[in-house]
Amino acid sequence: MALGLGGFVFLLYLNQVGLPDFLKKPLLNQLHARGLDLYFSRLRLRWTRGIVAEDVNLGQAAEPLGPQLFIDEAEVRLNHAALLRFKLKVDALILRKGRFCYPLPGKPGSRATQFNLEDMGAELWFLPDDRWEIRRLDAQCLQSKIEIVGS
């Protein structure tokens, strides 16, 4: 009984407070190995969706004028078969409510312009041999809807 209550309290902690560093670090290392460095405000366990990163920013900190990707939520899909063997393997990222900003080169002294994708959602799946598959990417751009798939 006490073990079950302790497990419930731990899951409640992961949901409300977030994942502790000893759980975050292997997950971030796995994503880094796939070529992604995530910066986020909180990484926590959601009851129905698993691990979710909130207020995600993908971009180069040293290059503030470079492309930037802001995402309200990024759901981390883990491989359940690997988890049963106590191994961590990220299968996919599901992105919700994103915004992509790409500065466009202009004439010196002119007002800077940028290319924006708004209200973006995507499914990014990690395949063997360092391949990525975009199963769905949709966004709004210049009052038009864009849908992209590819690998």
Protein backbone atom coordinates (compact mmCIF):
# COMPACT_ATOMS: atom_id res chain seq x y z
CA MET A 1 0.00 0.00 0.00
CA ALA A 2 2.75 2.44 0.96
CA LEU A 3 4.70 1.62 -2.23
CA GLY A 4 1.62 2.33 -4.36
CA LEU A 5 1.01 5.63 -2.58
CA GLY A 6 4.68 6.57 -2.98
CA GLY A 7 4.50 5.81 -6.71
CA PHE A 8 1.37 7.92 -7.07
CA VAL A 9 2.99 10.85 -5.22
CA PHE A 10 6.09 10.57 -7.47
CA LEU A 11 3.92 10.62 -10.63
CA LEU A 12 1.98 13.59 -9.25
CA TYR A 13 5.30 15.39 -8.62
CA LEU A 14 6.43 14.71 -12.22
CA ASN A 15 3.13 16.12 -13.48
CA GLN A 16 3.01 19.25 -11.34
CA VAL A 17 6.66 20.20 -10.82
CA GLY A 18 8.42 18.53 -13.73
CA LEU A 19 11.09 15.96 -14.38
CA PRO A 20 14.18 16.14 -12.13
CA ASP A 21 17.60 16.59 -13.71
CA PHE A 22 18.54 12.90 -13.46
CA LEU A 23 15.59 12.13 -15.79
CA LYS A 24 15.98 15.21 -18.02
CA LYS A 25 19.66 14.74 -18.82
CA PRO A 26 19.44 11.34 -20.62
CA LEU A 27 16.42 12.56 -22.58
CA LEU A 28 18.20 15.74 -23.70
CA ASN A 29 21.32 13.73 -24.57
CA GLN A 30 19.18 11.43 -26.74
CA LEU A 31 17.72 14.44 -28.59
CA HIS A 32 21.17 16.03 -28.92
CA ALA A 33 22.45 12.83 -30.52
CA ARG A 34 19.63 13.26 -33.08
CA GLY A 35 20.81 16.80 -33.84
CA LEU A 36 18.35 18.75 -31.67
CA ASP A 37 19.14 21.01 -28.75
CA LEU A 38 15.95 21.98 -26.90
CA TYR A 39 15.68 24.95 -24.57
CA PHE A 40 12.48 24.99 -22.56
CA SER A 41 10.91 26.40 -19.42
CA ARG A 42 9.66 23.07 -18.06
CA LEU A 43 9.68 19.38 -18.93
CA ARG A 44 6.94 17.41 -17.22
CA LEU A 45 4.87 14.26 -17.37
CA ARG A 46 1.34 14.67 -18.73
CA TRP A 47 -1.12 11.89 -17.85
CA THR A 48 -2.41 11.28 -21.38
CA ARG A 49 0.47 12.48 -23.58
CA GLY A 50 3.63 11.44 -21.76
CA ILE A 51 6.62 13.79 -21.49
CA VAL A 52 5.90 17.34 -22.66
CA ALA A 53 8.33 20.28 -22.94
CA GLU A 54 6.75 23.71 -22.49
CA ASP A 55 7.84 27.06 -23.99
CA VAL A 56 10.43 25.50 -26.30
CA ASN A 57 12.98 27.57 -28.22
CA LEU A 58 15.18 26.15 -30.96
CA GLY A 59 17.79 28.55 -32.23
CA GLN A 60 21.35 29.62 -31.84
CA ALA A 61 21.91 31.72 -28.73
CA ALA A 62 25.08 33.21 -30.23
CA GLU A 63 23.17 34.22 -33.38
CA PRO A 64 20.15 36.31 -32.30
CA LEU A 65 19.54 37.41 -35.90
CA GLY A 66 19.40 33.82 -37.16
CA PRO A 67 16.33 31.63 -37.64
CA GLN A 68 14.30 30.97 -34.50
CA LEU A 69 11.63 28.37 -33.72
CA PHE A 70 9.30 28.94 -30.76
CA ILE A 71 6.91 26.16 -29.69
CA ASP A 72 4.31 26.24 -26.92
CA GLU A 73 4.48 22.46 -26.42
CA ALA A 74 6.66 19.64 -27.71
CA GLU A 75 5.50 16.14 -26.84
CA VAL A 76 8.35 13.62 -26.62
CA ARG A 77 7.31 10.16 -27.86
CA LEU A 78 9.41 7.42 -26.32
CA ASN A 79 9.89 3.89 -27.65
CA HIS A 80 7.90 1.66 -25.30
CA ALA A 81 9.79 -1.53 -26.23
CA ALA A 82 13.09 0.16 -25.30
CA LEU A 83 11.60 1.40 -22.01
CA LEU A 84 10.71 -2.19 -21.06
CA ARG A 85 14.44 -2.97 -21.40
CA PHE A 86 15.26 0.14 -19.26
CA LYS A 87 16.67 1.99 -22.29
CA LEU A 88 15.72 5.46 -23.42
CA LYS A 89 14.94 5.91 -27.11
CA VAL A 90 13.08 8.90 -28.54
CA ASP A 91 10.85 7.97 -31.48
CA ALA A 92 9.29 11.34 -32.29
CA LEU A 93 8.54 14.93 -31.35
CA ILE A 94 5.00 16.25 -31.74
CA LEU A 95 5.07 20.05 -31.96
CA ARG A 96 2.04 22.20 -31.10
CA LYS A 97 1.41 25.93 -31.51
CA GLY A 98 4.74 26.89 -33.03
CA ARG A 99 6.15 29.96 -34.72
CA PHE A 100 9.14 30.02 -37.08
CA CYS A 101 10.91 33.31 -37.82
CA TYR A 102 13.58 33.62 -40.49
CA PRO A 103 15.23 37.04 -40.98
CA LEU A 104 15.56 38.03 -44.64
CA PRO A 105 18.61 39.92 -45.87
CA GLY A 106 17.90 43.52 -46.75
CA LYS A 107 19.69 46.65 -47.84
CA PRO A 108 21.90 48.32 -45.24
CA GLY A 109 19.93 50.91 -43.28
CA SER A 110 16.55 49.53 -44.37
CA ARG A 111 13.99 48.06 -42.01
CA ALA A 112 14.60 44.36 -41.33
CA THR A 113 12.01 41.93 -42.69
CA GLN A 114 11.46 38.30 -41.88
CA PHE A 115 9.66 35.22 -43.16
CA ASN A 116 7.20 33.86 -40.59
CA LEU A 117 5.28 30.63 -40.21
CA GLU A 118 2.52 30.96 -37.60
CA ASP A 119 0.24 28.50 -35.80
CA MET A 120 2.58 25.64 -36.71
CA GLY A 121 2.08 22.00 -35.79
CA ALA A 122 4.29 19.08 -36.79
CA GLU A 123 5.16 15.42 -36.26
CA LEU A 124 8.89 14.76 -36.53
CA TRP A 125 9.81 11.04 -36.44
CA PHE A 126 13.36 9.78 -35.99
CA LEU A 127 14.27 6.89 -38.28
CA PRO A 128 17.34 4.63 -38.42
CA ASP A 129 20.53 5.87 -40.12
CA ASP A 130 20.08 9.45 -38.84
CA ARG A 131 17.04 10.10 -41.02
CA TRP A 132 14.10 12.26 -40.00
CA GLU A 133 10.60 12.01 -41.35
CA ILE A 134 8.12 14.87 -41.24
CA ARG A 135 4.79 13.05 -41.20
CA ARG A 136 2.87 16.28 -40.91
CA LEU A 137 3.77 19.95 -40.80
CA ASP A 138 1.07 22.57 -41.15
CA ALA A 139 1.26 26.31 -40.64
CA GLN A 140 -0.13 29.67 -41.66
CA CYS A 141 1.97 31.92 -43.87
CA LEU A 142 0.89 35.15 -45.60
CA GLN A 143 -2.78 34.31 -44.98
CA SER A 144 -2.35 30.89 -46.59
CA LYS A 145 -2.28 27.39 -45.12
CA ILE A 146 0.85 25.33 -45.77
CA GLU A 147 1.08 21.53 -45.40
CA ILE A 148 4.38 19.68 -45.78
CA VAL A 149 5.46 16.03 -45.55
CA GLY A 150 8.90 14.60 -46.29
CA SER A 151 11.98 12.79 -45.09
